[in-house]
Amino acid sequence: MESEVPALKIIAGVHKGAVIRLDTADMLVIGASDDCDVILADSGVRSHHCVLKRQADKFFLRTIEGALNVNGHEQDPGASGCDHARSCAGPDRHR
């Protein structure tokens, strides 16, 4: 049986339903700027909001310019958190 490809699934906001495969890049910059790997146009998304980084079979989310609410815990800019892609980001989870 083939394993499931890891993906970032946008669950709310302007881009609801979008799916970004995570099997080809070790790091993605997420934000509103044209130079980001994943561009989100929702209000409240900073130019370079956060970075999603893959290390082996885990994913880590680090804020850059914007704060994030990760599983009910506020992450200030520069903080790292979330060791998996599920429930890490979404328009209803950022500020």
Protein backbone atom coordinates (compact mmCIF):
# COMPACT_ATOMS: atom_id res chain seq x y z
CA MET A 1 0.00 0.00 0.00
CA GLU A 2 1.37 3.42 -0.98
CA SER A 3 1.90 5.92 1.86
CA GLU A 4 0.00 9.18 1.89
CA VAL A 5 1.86 12.23 0.55
CA PRO A 6 2.21 14.93 3.26
CA ALA A 7 0.28 18.08 2.42
CA LEU A 8 -0.59 21.50 3.78
CA LYS A 9 -4.37 21.83 3.58
CA ILE A 10 -5.92 25.29 3.78
CA ILE A 11 -9.07 24.84 5.86
CA ALA A 12 -10.53 28.37 5.98
CA GLY A 13 -10.32 31.79 4.40
CA VAL A 14 -9.83 32.96 0.82
CA HIS A 15 -7.85 29.87 -0.19
CA LYS A 16 -10.05 27.30 1.58
CA GLY A 17 -9.68 23.89 -0.04
CA ALA A 18 -6.20 24.48 -1.49
CA VAL A 19 -3.72 21.65 -0.97
CA ILE A 20 0.05 22.11 -1.19
CA ARG A 21 2.11 18.92 -1.48
CA LEU A 22 5.00 18.79 0.99
CA ASP A 23 6.98 15.98 -0.60
CA THR A 24 9.17 18.16 -2.85
CA ALA A 25 10.49 20.89 -0.54
CA ASP A 26 12.20 20.85 2.84
CA MET A 27 11.15 24.41 3.65
CA LEU A 28 8.28 26.69 2.61
CA VAL A 29 7.94 30.39 3.41
CA ILE A 30 4.26 31.24 3.90
CA GLY A 31 2.93 34.78 3.68
CA ALA A 32 1.33 37.49 1.55
CA SER A 33 4.45 38.57 -0.38
CA ASP A 34 5.01 37.56 -4.00
CA ASP A 35 8.37 36.00 -3.06
CA CYS A 36 6.79 33.45 -0.67
CA ASP A 37 6.50 29.79 -1.60
CA VAL A 38 2.88 29.73 -0.39
CA ILE A 39 1.05 33.02 -0.92
CA LEU A 40 -2.05 33.71 1.18
CA ALA A 41 -4.11 36.83 0.44
CA ASP A 42 -6.19 36.77 3.63
CA SER A 43 -6.27 39.90 5.77
CA GLY A 44 -3.96 39.50 8.74
CA VAL A 45 -1.37 37.44 6.86
CA ARG A 46 1.99 39.25 7.07
CA SER A 47 4.40 39.55 4.12
CA HIS A 48 6.56 36.71 5.47
CA HIS A 49 4.30 35.22 8.11
CA CYS A 50 5.96 31.89 8.89
CA VAL A 51 8.19 29.05 7.72
CA LEU A 52 7.17 25.41 7.53
CA LYS A 53 10.29 23.23 7.70
CA ARG A 54 10.59 19.50 7.22
CA GLN A 55 13.16 17.50 9.17
CA ALA A 56 13.06 13.78 8.43
CA ASP A 57 9.41 12.76 8.92
CA LYS A 58 8.37 15.77 11.07
CA PHE A 59 7.30 19.31 10.25
CA PHE A 60 8.10 22.41 12.30
CA LEU A 61 6.40 25.79 12.05
CA ARG A 62 8.34 28.95 12.94
CA THR A 63 6.81 32.40 12.90
CA ILE A 64 8.65 35.23 11.14
CA GLU A 65 6.57 38.43 11.16
CA GLY A 66 3.19 37.23 12.33
CA ALA A 67 1.98 35.58 15.49
CA LEU A 68 0.30 32.18 15.25
CA ASN A 69 -2.10 30.29 17.42
CA VAL A 70 -0.83 26.71 17.36
CA ASN A 71 -3.18 24.18 18.95
CA GLY A 72 -4.46 26.84 21.34
CA HIS A 73 -1.01 28.23 22.22
CA GLU A 74 0.05 31.67 20.99
CA GLN A 75 3.40 31.66 19.16
CA ASP A 76 5.12 35.05 18.97
CA PRO A 77 7.27 36.05 15.96
CA GLY A 78 10.52 34.08 15.95
CA ALA A 79 9.12 31.24 18.07
CA SER A 80 9.15 27.65 16.88
CA GLY A 81 6.44 25.15 17.52
CA CYS A 82 4.23 22.42 16.19
CA ASP A 83 5.98 19.20 15.27
CA HIS A 84 3.44 18.23 12.62
CA ALA A 85 1.55 19.94 9.84
CA ARG A 86 -1.94 19.24 11.16
CA SER A 87 -3.65 22.12 12.97
CA CYS A 88 -0.64 24.41 12.62
CA ALA A 89 -1.93 27.10 10.35
CA GLY A 90 -5.08 28.48 8.85
CA PRO A 91 -6.66 31.87 8.44
CA ASP A 92 -8.63 31.36 11.65
CA ARG A 93 -5.42 30.49 13.52
CA HIS A 94 -3.18 33.44 12.69
CA ARG A 95 -3.16 37.11 13.59
